N, C-alpha and C. Protein backbone atom coordinates (compact mmCIF):
# COMPACT_ATOMS: atom_id res chain seq x y z
N MET A 1 135.30 304.99 143.56
CA MET A 1 134.66 303.87 143.04
C MET A 1 135.73 302.66 142.49
N ARG A 2 135.51 301.71 143.06
CA ARG A 2 136.14 300.52 142.40
C ARG A 2 135.67 300.10 141.20
N LEU A 3 136.92 299.64 140.31
CA LEU A 3 136.95 299.23 139.00
C LEU A 3 137.50 297.71 138.85
N GLY A 4 137.19 296.97 138.41
CA GLY A 4 137.67 295.77 137.83
C GLY A 4 138.04 295.58 136.50
N LEU A 5 139.37 295.48 136.02
CA LEU A 5 139.80 295.38 134.95
C LEU A 5 140.28 294.27 134.36
N LEU A 6 139.72 293.45 133.40
CA LEU A 6 140.13 292.13 132.88
C LEU A 6 141.54 292.49 132.52
N TYR A 7 142.50 291.84 132.80
CA TYR A 7 143.89 291.98 132.79
C TYR A 7 144.57 290.84 132.48
N SER A 8 145.64 290.91 131.44
CA SER A 8 146.51 289.94 130.93
C SER A 8 147.76 290.18 131.14
N GLY A 9 148.34 291.07 131.41
CA GLY A 9 149.63 291.71 131.47
C GLY A 9 150.33 291.90 130.21
N GLY A 10 149.35 292.39 129.07
CA GLY A 10 149.68 292.71 127.95
C GLY A 10 149.83 294.52 128.00
N LYS A 11 150.03 294.93 126.67
CA LYS A 11 150.16 296.25 126.91
C LYS A 11 149.01 297.03 126.76
N ASP A 12 147.67 296.23 126.01
CA ASP A 12 146.44 297.06 125.97
C ASP A 12 145.78 297.20 127.39
N SER A 13 145.69 296.08 128.03
CA SER A 13 145.04 296.05 129.42
C SER A 13 145.82 297.14 130.35
N THR A 14 147.02 297.07 130.21
CA THR A 14 147.90 297.85 131.08
C THR A 14 147.66 299.14 130.62
N LEU A 15 148.04 299.60 129.49
CA LEU A 15 147.56 301.07 128.95
C LEU A 15 145.69 301.52 129.39
N ALA A 16 145.07 300.76 129.22
CA ALA A 16 143.91 300.74 130.04
C ALA A 16 143.57 301.17 131.43
N ALA A 17 144.37 300.48 131.84
CA ALA A 17 144.67 300.85 133.85
C ALA A 17 145.20 302.18 133.91
N LEU A 18 146.03 302.59 133.36
CA LEU A 18 146.79 303.95 133.34
C LEU A 18 145.64 304.92 133.10
N LEU A 19 145.03 304.97 132.20
CA LEU A 19 144.15 305.99 131.84
C LEU A 19 143.18 305.74 132.72
N LEU A 20 142.75 304.75 133.52
CA LEU A 20 141.50 304.91 134.23
C LEU A 20 141.72 305.14 135.64
N ALA A 21 143.13 305.23 136.18
CA ALA A 21 143.86 305.08 137.53
C ALA A 21 143.31 306.42 137.89
N ASP A 22 143.28 307.77 137.04
CA ASP A 22 143.08 308.93 137.81
C ASP A 22 141.53 309.02 138.23
N PHE A 23 140.48 308.18 137.74
CA PHE A 23 139.42 308.39 138.16
C PHE A 23 138.89 307.28 138.85
N TYR A 24 139.47 305.94 139.01
CA TYR A 24 138.99 305.13 139.46
C TYR A 24 139.96 304.31 140.53
N GLU A 25 139.41 303.65 141.69
CA GLU A 25 140.43 302.65 142.18
C GLU A 25 140.58 301.08 141.43
N VAL A 26 141.61 301.06 140.76
CA VAL A 26 141.79 300.17 139.77
C VAL A 26 142.49 299.04 140.43
N THR A 27 141.55 297.59 140.42
CA THR A 27 141.99 296.16 140.34
C THR A 27 142.16 295.51 139.11
N LEU A 28 143.53 295.35 138.96
CA LEU A 28 143.73 294.15 137.60
C LEU A 28 143.18 292.83 138.15
N ALA A 29 142.30 292.57 136.94
CA ALA A 29 141.84 290.99 137.63
C ALA A 29 141.89 290.29 136.62
N THR A 30 142.62 289.01 136.70
CA THR A 30 142.98 287.90 135.73
C THR A 30 141.63 286.91 135.95
N ALA A 31 141.06 286.53 134.74
CA ALA A 31 140.11 285.24 134.73
C ALA A 31 140.92 284.17 134.44
N HIS A 32 140.51 283.11 135.09
CA HIS A 32 141.41 281.95 135.32
C HIS A 32 140.72 280.78 135.19
N PHE A 33 141.18 279.62 134.80
CA PHE A 33 140.44 278.50 134.77
C PHE A 33 140.95 277.21 135.51
N GLY A 34 141.83 277.52 136.02
CA GLY A 34 142.69 276.55 136.74
C GLY A 34 143.17 275.80 136.12
N ILE A 35 143.57 275.79 134.79
CA ILE A 35 144.46 275.00 133.84
C ILE A 35 145.93 275.05 133.95
N THR A 36 146.63 276.59 134.09
CA THR A 36 147.72 276.48 134.28
C THR A 36 147.83 277.84 135.32
N ASP A 37 148.98 277.98 135.88
CA ASP A 37 149.38 279.26 136.68
C ASP A 37 150.16 280.38 135.82
N ASP A 38 149.77 280.54 134.73
CA ASP A 38 150.14 282.13 134.18
C ASP A 38 149.52 283.04 134.66
N TRP A 39 148.60 283.04 135.42
CA TRP A 39 147.97 284.34 136.12
C TRP A 39 149.04 284.58 137.18
N LYS A 40 150.00 284.15 137.52
CA LYS A 40 150.78 284.69 138.29
C LYS A 40 151.88 285.63 137.66
N HIS A 41 151.96 285.65 136.09
CA HIS A 41 152.54 286.54 135.37
C HIS A 41 151.86 287.94 135.74
N ALA A 42 150.49 288.07 135.36
CA ALA A 42 149.68 289.06 135.38
C ALA A 42 149.67 289.75 136.95
N ARG A 43 149.77 288.84 137.75
CA ARG A 43 150.07 289.23 139.18
C ARG A 43 151.27 290.16 139.34
N ASP A 44 152.34 289.51 139.05
CA ASP A 44 153.48 290.39 139.08
C ASP A 44 153.96 291.65 138.53
N THR A 45 153.11 291.58 136.82
CA THR A 45 153.08 292.90 136.18
C THR A 45 152.44 293.83 136.87
N ALA A 46 151.15 293.51 137.56
CA ALA A 46 150.21 294.43 137.81
C ALA A 46 151.07 295.26 139.40
N GLU A 47 151.90 294.40 140.12
CA GLU A 47 152.15 294.73 141.39
C GLU A 47 153.40 295.60 140.61
N ALA A 48 154.25 295.23 139.86
CA ALA A 48 155.25 296.53 139.25
C ALA A 48 154.77 297.79 138.56
N ALA A 49 153.29 297.76 138.05
CA ALA A 49 152.99 298.88 137.64
C ALA A 49 152.22 299.37 138.70
N GLY A 50 151.86 298.99 139.79
CA GLY A 50 151.46 299.56 141.00
C GLY A 50 149.86 299.41 141.12
N PHE A 51 149.33 298.51 140.84
CA PHE A 51 147.90 298.20 140.86
C PHE A 51 147.81 297.04 141.95
N ALA A 52 146.60 296.93 142.36
CA ALA A 52 146.16 295.95 143.12
C ALA A 52 145.84 294.97 142.09
N PHE A 53 145.93 293.29 142.53
CA PHE A 53 145.73 292.43 141.69
C PHE A 53 144.42 291.43 142.13
N GLU A 54 143.81 290.69 141.47
CA GLU A 54 142.95 289.71 141.85
C GLU A 54 142.93 288.67 140.77
N ARG A 55 142.87 287.45 141.22
CA ARG A 55 142.35 286.21 140.26
C ARG A 55 141.06 285.94 140.30
N VAL A 56 140.52 286.01 139.08
CA VAL A 56 139.04 285.74 139.20
C VAL A 56 138.67 284.29 138.57
N ASP A 57 138.13 283.44 139.28
CA ASP A 57 137.92 282.06 138.88
C ASP A 57 136.81 282.03 137.73
N VAL A 58 137.11 281.61 136.40
CA VAL A 58 136.03 281.34 135.92
C VAL A 58 136.07 279.75 135.78
N GLU A 59 134.62 279.29 135.76
CA GLU A 59 134.41 277.58 135.86
C GLU A 59 135.12 277.25 134.69
N ARG A 60 135.66 275.77 134.84
CA ARG A 60 136.61 275.34 133.86
C ARG A 60 135.85 274.78 132.82
N ALA A 61 134.36 274.46 133.07
CA ALA A 61 133.49 274.38 132.22
C ALA A 61 133.18 275.06 130.92
N VAL A 62 133.79 276.26 131.11
CA VAL A 62 133.46 277.30 130.36
C VAL A 62 134.88 277.29 129.38
N ALA A 63 136.04 276.91 129.88
CA ALA A 63 137.13 276.59 128.90
C ALA A 63 137.07 275.48 128.13
N GLU A 64 136.57 274.49 128.78
CA GLU A 64 136.21 273.25 128.05
C GLU A 64 134.95 273.50 126.92
N GLU A 65 133.84 274.12 127.13
CA GLU A 65 132.97 274.52 126.05
C GLU A 65 133.33 275.17 125.00
N ALA A 66 134.82 276.55 125.08
CA ALA A 66 135.51 277.13 124.34
C ALA A 66 136.22 276.14 123.16
N VAL A 67 137.06 275.07 123.90
CA VAL A 67 137.77 274.22 123.32
C VAL A 67 136.95 273.60 122.18
N GLU A 68 135.57 273.26 122.79
CA GLU A 68 135.07 272.32 121.54
C GLU A 68 134.35 273.30 120.65
N ARG A 69 134.18 274.77 120.98
CA ARG A 69 133.82 275.50 119.84
C ARG A 69 134.84 275.84 118.87
N ILE A 70 136.52 275.87 119.30
CA ILE A 70 137.38 275.73 118.58
C ILE A 70 137.59 274.85 117.65
N ARG A 71 137.18 273.50 118.07
CA ARG A 71 137.35 272.36 117.48
C ARG A 71 136.40 272.46 116.11
N GLU A 72 134.90 272.74 116.62
CA GLU A 72 134.00 272.64 115.35
C GLU A 72 134.01 273.99 114.43
N ASP A 73 134.80 275.01 114.89
CA ASP A 73 134.93 276.03 113.78
C ASP A 73 136.28 275.99 113.32
N GLY A 74 137.13 275.49 113.65
CA GLY A 74 138.20 275.15 113.01
C GLY A 74 139.52 276.32 113.38
N TYR A 75 138.98 277.24 113.94
CA TYR A 75 139.55 279.04 114.59
C TYR A 75 139.34 279.14 115.84
N PRO A 76 139.91 280.01 116.76
CA PRO A 76 139.64 280.38 118.07
C PRO A 76 138.49 281.62 117.96
N ARG A 77 138.22 282.24 117.42
CA ARG A 77 137.40 283.83 117.14
C ARG A 77 136.20 283.75 118.31
N ASN A 78 135.45 282.77 117.81
CA ASN A 78 134.25 282.83 118.79
C ASN A 78 134.28 282.24 120.02
N ALA A 79 135.02 281.44 120.37
CA ALA A 79 135.47 280.66 121.61
C ALA A 79 136.01 281.81 122.65
N ILE A 80 136.95 282.70 121.82
CA ILE A 80 137.57 283.86 122.81
C ILE A 80 136.47 284.78 123.01
N GLN A 81 135.45 284.94 122.01
CA GLN A 81 134.67 285.74 122.26
C GLN A 81 133.54 285.31 123.61
N PHE A 82 133.35 284.02 123.27
CA PHE A 82 132.54 283.06 124.52
C PHE A 82 133.20 283.46 125.63
N VAL A 83 134.69 283.45 125.70
CA VAL A 83 135.05 283.40 127.26
C VAL A 83 134.92 284.44 127.82
N HIS A 84 135.21 285.65 126.87
CA HIS A 84 135.35 287.23 127.20
C HIS A 84 134.19 287.51 127.92
N GLY A 85 133.00 287.02 127.44
CA GLY A 85 131.76 287.48 127.65
C GLY A 85 131.45 286.88 129.19
N HIS A 86 131.99 285.50 129.63
CA HIS A 86 131.91 284.94 130.90
C HIS A 86 132.83 285.49 131.90
N ALA A 87 133.73 286.02 131.23
CA ALA A 87 134.80 286.32 132.22
C ALA A 87 134.36 288.11 132.68
N LEU A 88 133.79 288.69 131.87
CA LEU A 88 133.17 290.23 132.30
C LEU A 88 132.02 289.70 132.94
N GLU A 89 130.95 288.54 132.80
CA GLU A 89 130.04 288.47 133.75
C GLU A 89 130.55 288.14 135.22
N THR A 90 131.35 287.27 135.39
CA THR A 90 132.03 286.74 136.54
C THR A 90 132.68 288.09 137.32
N LEU A 91 133.45 288.99 136.35
CA LEU A 91 134.09 290.37 137.01
C LEU A 91 133.00 291.33 137.70
N ALA A 92 131.62 291.35 136.83
CA ALA A 92 130.77 291.97 137.35
C ALA A 92 129.83 291.67 138.42
N GLU A 93 130.16 290.22 138.45
CA GLU A 93 129.41 289.69 140.17
C GLU A 93 130.42 289.79 140.86
N ALA A 94 131.45 290.50 141.14
CA ALA A 94 132.70 290.38 141.71
C ALA A 94 132.61 291.61 142.88
N GLY A 95 131.34 292.25 142.60
CA GLY A 95 131.42 293.64 143.78
C GLY A 95 132.05 294.75 143.37
N PHE A 96 132.43 295.26 142.10
CA PHE A 96 132.93 296.29 141.51
C PHE A 96 131.83 297.55 141.24
N ASP A 97 132.10 298.40 141.60
CA ASP A 97 131.24 299.60 141.04
C ASP A 97 131.20 299.68 139.22
N ALA A 98 132.46 299.30 138.69
CA ALA A 98 132.46 299.07 137.31
C ALA A 98 133.53 298.24 136.79
N VAL A 99 133.07 297.86 135.87
CA VAL A 99 134.02 296.93 135.12
C VAL A 99 134.77 297.19 133.83
N ALA A 100 135.91 296.69 133.20
CA ALA A 100 136.28 297.30 132.09
C ALA A 100 137.20 296.49 131.55
N ASP A 101 137.80 296.49 130.40
CA ASP A 101 138.61 295.76 129.62
C ASP A 101 139.47 296.44 128.72
N GLY A 102 140.66 296.01 127.89
CA GLY A 102 141.51 296.74 127.33
C GLY A 102 141.01 296.37 125.84
N THR A 103 139.83 296.26 125.54
CA THR A 103 139.55 295.84 123.75
C THR A 103 139.59 297.51 123.13
N ARG A 104 140.58 297.44 121.88
CA ARG A 104 140.77 298.41 120.99
C ARG A 104 139.58 298.57 119.91
N ARG A 105 139.46 299.78 119.30
CA ARG A 105 138.50 300.14 118.35
C ARG A 105 138.54 299.03 117.11
N ASP A 106 139.72 298.68 117.00
CA ASP A 106 139.73 297.77 115.70
C ASP A 106 140.26 296.49 116.04
N ASP A 107 139.81 296.08 117.25
CA ASP A 107 140.13 294.61 117.76
C ASP A 107 138.77 293.84 117.05
N ARG A 108 139.40 292.68 116.27
CA ARG A 108 138.32 291.51 115.86
C ARG A 108 137.81 291.07 116.98
N VAL A 109 138.51 290.52 117.78
CA VAL A 109 138.12 289.77 118.94
C VAL A 109 139.05 290.04 120.11
N PRO A 110 138.38 289.80 121.43
CA PRO A 110 137.12 290.17 121.64
C PRO A 110 136.49 291.26 121.46
N THR A 111 135.11 291.59 121.18
CA THR A 111 134.49 292.74 121.36
C THR A 111 133.34 293.01 122.03
N VAL A 112 132.67 294.01 122.78
CA VAL A 112 131.64 294.01 123.22
C VAL A 112 130.53 295.12 122.72
N SER A 113 129.50 294.49 122.17
CA SER A 113 128.68 295.53 121.50
C SER A 113 127.78 296.40 122.35
N ARG A 114 127.11 297.50 121.68
CA ARG A 114 126.64 298.14 122.83
C ARG A 114 125.42 297.54 123.80
N ALA A 115 124.68 296.55 122.77
CA ALA A 115 123.81 295.85 123.40
C ALA A 115 124.43 295.06 124.48
N GLN A 116 125.25 294.31 124.33
CA GLN A 116 126.01 293.31 125.51
C GLN A 116 126.45 294.38 126.55
N ALA A 117 127.28 295.39 126.26
CA ALA A 117 127.38 296.31 127.63
C ALA A 117 126.26 296.70 128.31
N GLN A 118 125.16 296.93 127.53
CA GLN A 118 123.78 297.47 128.27
C GLN A 118 123.37 296.42 129.32
N SER A 119 123.26 295.38 128.53
CA SER A 119 123.08 294.23 129.47
C SER A 119 123.65 294.05 130.67
N LEU A 120 125.12 294.00 130.47
CA LEU A 120 125.70 293.63 131.53
C LEU A 120 125.65 294.82 132.66
N GLU A 121 125.48 295.75 132.11
CA GLU A 121 125.24 296.88 133.17
C GLU A 121 123.81 297.20 134.04
N ASP A 122 122.85 296.67 133.34
CA ASP A 122 121.40 296.33 133.70
C ASP A 122 121.51 295.39 134.80
N ARG A 123 121.83 294.21 134.26
CA ARG A 123 121.88 293.06 135.04
C ARG A 123 122.42 292.93 136.55
N HIS A 124 123.89 293.62 136.44
CA HIS A 124 124.66 293.73 137.45
C HIS A 124 124.88 294.98 138.15
N ASP A 125 124.17 295.79 137.84
CA ASP A 125 124.28 297.55 138.25
C ASP A 125 125.42 297.69 138.31
N VAL A 126 126.34 297.72 137.41
CA VAL A 126 127.98 298.30 137.13
C VAL A 126 127.71 298.85 135.74
N ASP A 127 129.03 300.00 136.16
CA ASP A 127 129.17 300.33 134.85
C ASP A 127 130.11 299.43 133.95
N TYR A 128 130.00 299.47 132.73
CA TYR A 128 130.91 298.73 131.74
C TYR A 128 131.70 300.00 130.91
N ILE A 129 133.01 300.25 131.08
CA ILE A 129 134.16 300.73 130.41
C ILE A 129 135.09 300.00 129.14
N ALA A 130 135.09 300.98 128.48
CA ALA A 130 136.40 300.20 127.42
C ALA A 130 137.06 301.71 127.11
N PRO A 131 138.03 302.03 127.70
CA PRO A 131 138.86 303.12 127.49
C PRO A 131 139.38 303.42 126.49
N LEU A 132 139.87 301.99 125.70
CA LEU A 132 140.56 301.99 124.48
C LEU A 132 139.71 302.05 123.05
N SER A 133 138.54 301.71 123.39
CA SER A 133 137.33 301.66 122.14
C SER A 133 137.63 302.77 121.30
N GLY A 134 138.15 304.15 121.64
CA GLY A 134 138.14 304.88 120.46
C GLY A 134 139.62 304.96 119.66
N PHE A 135 140.68 303.77 120.55
CA PHE A 135 141.87 304.24 119.70
C PHE A 135 141.86 302.81 119.01
N GLY A 136 142.80 303.06 117.88
CA GLY A 136 143.25 302.24 116.91
C GLY A 136 144.49 301.50 117.30
N ARG A 137 145.11 300.61 116.88
CA ARG A 137 146.48 299.80 117.23
C ARG A 137 147.62 300.71 117.33
N ASN A 138 147.57 301.35 116.29
CA ASN A 138 148.70 302.77 116.24
C ASN A 138 149.05 303.83 117.16
N ALA A 139 147.60 304.30 117.42
CA ALA A 139 147.74 305.12 118.66
C ALA A 139 147.98 304.48 119.88
N VAL A 140 147.38 302.95 120.11
CA VAL A 140 147.84 302.56 121.36
C VAL A 140 149.29 302.34 121.52
N ASP A 141 149.81 301.51 120.39
CA ASP A 141 151.25 301.46 120.04
C ASP A 141 152.08 302.74 120.57
N ARG A 142 151.55 304.14 120.05
CA ARG A 142 152.56 305.13 120.28
C ARG A 142 152.35 305.62 121.84
N LEU A 143 151.08 305.20 122.30
CA LEU A 143 151.12 305.51 123.60
C LEU A 143 151.80 304.48 124.60
N VAL A 144 151.73 303.30 124.23
CA VAL A 144 152.46 302.33 124.94
C VAL A 144 154.15 302.84 124.84
N ALA A 145 154.75 303.09 123.77
CA ALA A 145 156.17 303.33 123.38
C ALA A 145 156.79 304.49 124.56
N ASP A 146 155.72 305.07 124.52
CA ASP A 146 156.19 306.46 125.61
C ASP A 146 155.70 306.10 127.18
N ARG A 147 154.89 305.25 127.50
CA ARG A 147 154.79 304.62 128.89
C ARG A 147 155.05 303.36 129.30
N LEU A 148 155.33 302.30 128.55
CA LEU A 148 155.58 301.22 129.02
C LEU A 148 156.82 300.20 128.49
N GLU A 149 157.46 299.58 129.09
CA GLU A 149 158.47 298.62 128.81
C GLU A 149 157.72 297.38 128.47
N VAL A 150 157.75 296.91 127.21
CA VAL A 150 157.37 295.59 126.61
C VAL A 150 158.02 294.73 125.95
N THR A 151 157.59 293.28 126.19
CA THR A 151 158.38 292.27 125.47
C THR A 151 157.36 291.98 124.34
N VAL A 152 157.74 291.89 123.11
CA VAL A 152 157.08 291.40 122.19
C VAL A 152 157.40 289.91 121.31
N GLY A 153 156.68 289.09 121.17
CA GLY A 153 156.95 287.69 120.46
C GLY A 153 155.66 287.07 120.14
N PRO A 154 156.08 285.74 119.58
CA PRO A 154 154.96 284.79 119.18
C PRO A 154 154.23 284.36 120.37
N SER A 155 152.94 284.10 119.99
CA SER A 155 152.17 283.43 121.22
C SER A 155 152.63 282.57 122.35
N GLU A 156 153.04 281.57 121.48
CA GLU A 156 153.74 280.57 121.94
C GLU A 156 154.70 280.76 122.95
N GLU A 157 155.39 281.82 122.81
CA GLU A 157 156.80 282.25 123.58
C GLU A 157 156.69 283.13 124.65
N ILE A 158 155.39 284.13 124.47
CA ILE A 158 155.20 285.21 125.45
C ILE A 158 154.46 284.44 126.45
N THR A 159 154.63 284.33 127.62
CA THR A 159 153.71 284.09 128.76
C THR A 159 152.68 285.11 129.17
N ARG A 160 151.73 284.85 129.08
CA ARG A 160 150.48 286.00 129.52
C ARG A 160 149.21 285.43 130.12
N ALA A 161 148.67 286.17 131.17
CA ALA A 161 147.51 285.33 131.40
C ALA A 161 146.09 285.58 130.64
N ASP A 162 146.17 285.17 129.44
CA ASP A 162 145.10 285.32 128.82
C ASP A 162 144.35 284.23 128.55
N TYR A 163 143.17 284.10 127.98
CA TYR A 163 142.24 283.10 127.62
C TYR A 163 142.80 282.17 126.55
N GLU A 164 143.51 282.69 125.64
CA GLU A 164 144.09 281.87 124.99
C GLU A 164 145.23 281.27 125.43
N ALA A 165 145.99 281.58 126.16
CA ALA A 165 146.82 280.51 126.65
C ALA A 165 146.45 279.40 127.32
N GLU A 166 145.48 279.70 128.36
CA GLU A 166 144.84 278.12 128.87
C GLU A 166 144.36 277.48 128.00
N LEU A 167 143.24 278.16 126.94
CA LEU A 167 143.00 277.15 125.93
C LEU A 167 143.86 276.23 125.22
N ARG A 168 144.94 277.15 124.72
CA ARG A 168 146.00 276.47 123.96
C ARG A 168 146.65 275.17 124.79
N HIS A 169 146.90 275.45 126.19
CA HIS A 169 147.21 274.38 126.83
C HIS A 169 146.23 273.57 127.46
N LEU A 170 145.07 273.64 127.11
CA LEU A 170 144.13 272.48 127.24
C LEU A 170 144.12 271.74 126.03
N ILE A 171 144.04 272.59 124.77
CA ILE A 171 144.03 271.48 123.76
C ILE A 171 145.47 270.72 123.66
N ALA A 172 146.61 271.30 124.13
CA ALA A 172 147.79 270.50 124.03
C ALA A 172 147.57 269.16 124.95
N GLN A 173 147.16 269.44 126.00
CA GLN A 173 146.80 268.35 126.79
C GLN A 173 146.01 267.27 126.37
N GLU A 174 144.83 267.65 125.53
CA GLU A 174 143.83 266.77 125.10
C GLU A 174 144.36 265.95 123.59
N GLU A 175 145.00 267.20 123.12
CA GLU A 175 145.45 266.51 121.42
C GLU A 175 146.86 266.44 121.30
N GLY A 176 147.37 267.15 122.14
CA GLY A 176 148.95 267.24 121.72
C GLY A 176 149.65 268.62 121.22
N ALA A 177 150.77 268.98 121.36
CA ALA A 177 151.09 270.20 121.41
C ALA A 177 151.06 270.51 119.64
N ASP A 178 151.10 270.00 118.68
CA ASP A 178 151.03 270.09 117.34
C ASP A 178 149.79 270.60 117.05
N ALA A 179 148.72 270.04 117.81
CA ALA A 179 147.16 270.31 117.44
C ALA A 179 147.06 272.01 117.40
N VAL A 180 147.74 272.53 118.61
CA VAL A 180 147.51 273.91 118.80
C VAL A 180 147.63 274.88 117.71
N GLU A 181 148.85 274.72 116.86
CA GLU A 181 148.87 275.11 115.66
C GLU A 181 148.17 275.11 114.56
N THR A 182 147.36 273.89 114.68
CA THR A 182 146.06 273.54 113.57
C THR A 182 145.06 274.57 113.94
N TYR A 183 144.55 275.35 114.76
CA TYR A 183 143.68 275.78 115.63
C TYR A 183 144.11 277.47 115.74
N PHE A 184 145.16 277.76 115.91
CA PHE A 184 145.61 279.47 116.53
C PHE A 184 146.51 279.69 115.32
N PRO A 185 146.07 281.01 114.50
CA PRO A 185 147.13 281.35 113.74
C PRO A 185 148.15 282.00 114.28
N ALA A 186 149.26 282.04 113.54
CA ALA A 186 150.53 282.71 114.22
C ALA A 186 150.28 284.22 114.67
N HIS A 187 150.25 285.02 115.62
CA HIS A 187 150.51 286.12 115.65
C HIS A 187 151.18 286.23 116.90
N GLU A 188 151.47 287.86 117.22
CA GLU A 188 152.47 288.37 118.27
C GLU A 188 151.61 288.66 119.20
N GLN A 189 152.19 288.43 120.63
CA GLN A 189 151.70 288.83 122.15
C GLN A 189 152.31 289.79 122.55
N THR A 190 151.97 290.32 123.59
CA THR A 190 152.84 291.53 124.53
C THR A 190 152.59 291.01 125.59
N HIS A 191 153.94 291.30 126.71
CA HIS A 191 154.00 291.20 127.83
C HIS A 191 154.42 292.49 128.27
N VAL A 192 153.68 293.30 129.41
CA VAL A 192 154.46 294.36 130.09
C VAL A 192 155.40 293.90 131.03
N THR A 193 156.66 294.46 131.04
CA THR A 193 157.78 294.18 131.98
C THR A 193 157.90 295.38 132.93
N GLY A 194 157.37 296.56 132.53
CA GLY A 194 157.37 297.46 133.47
C GLY A 194 156.98 298.93 132.78
N LEU A 195 157.07 300.05 133.61
CA LEU A 195 156.71 301.22 133.52
C LEU A 195 158.01 302.23 133.09
N ARG A 196 157.66 303.24 132.33
CA ARG A 196 158.91 303.95 131.74
C ARG A 196 158.58 305.26 132.64
């Protein structure tokens, strides 16, 4: 069975791929709005980890609406959730038997409720799988330390193919680089550089 996993090149989505690889033909899929070419980093990481890769194009209008939500709210949480929903929908329409993501049990955003998962499955005739949904951050970090080579750093220094990177870039284009810090709290990101 073919499975498309939303992929950023970070530790969570890479670990999810490793957990699913024994059961599915996994393709790592990066949602992309056409704003940057950061998706290439995810492609390179996917290839280094031995997985097939696809770029999934999501309409730029979704990113633009997400940026408007960030401006209205003053923070990115609802916008990231909105984009994740669209990315899953787009992936579900791409012909996979199953779709997955790297969301953990303790993630604040993005999350997928049981109702959202059931709706996605029913409307697109796919299975939705969240292999890390039973794992907290500490458990994920221990598994990652055993299996993956990872670079960790502030969001603005780690190049990843995630929604936040393109939304940050769009805000910087429209309002200037300093505006990004107004909306996005400082936090660390990860980028997988190889398998152990």
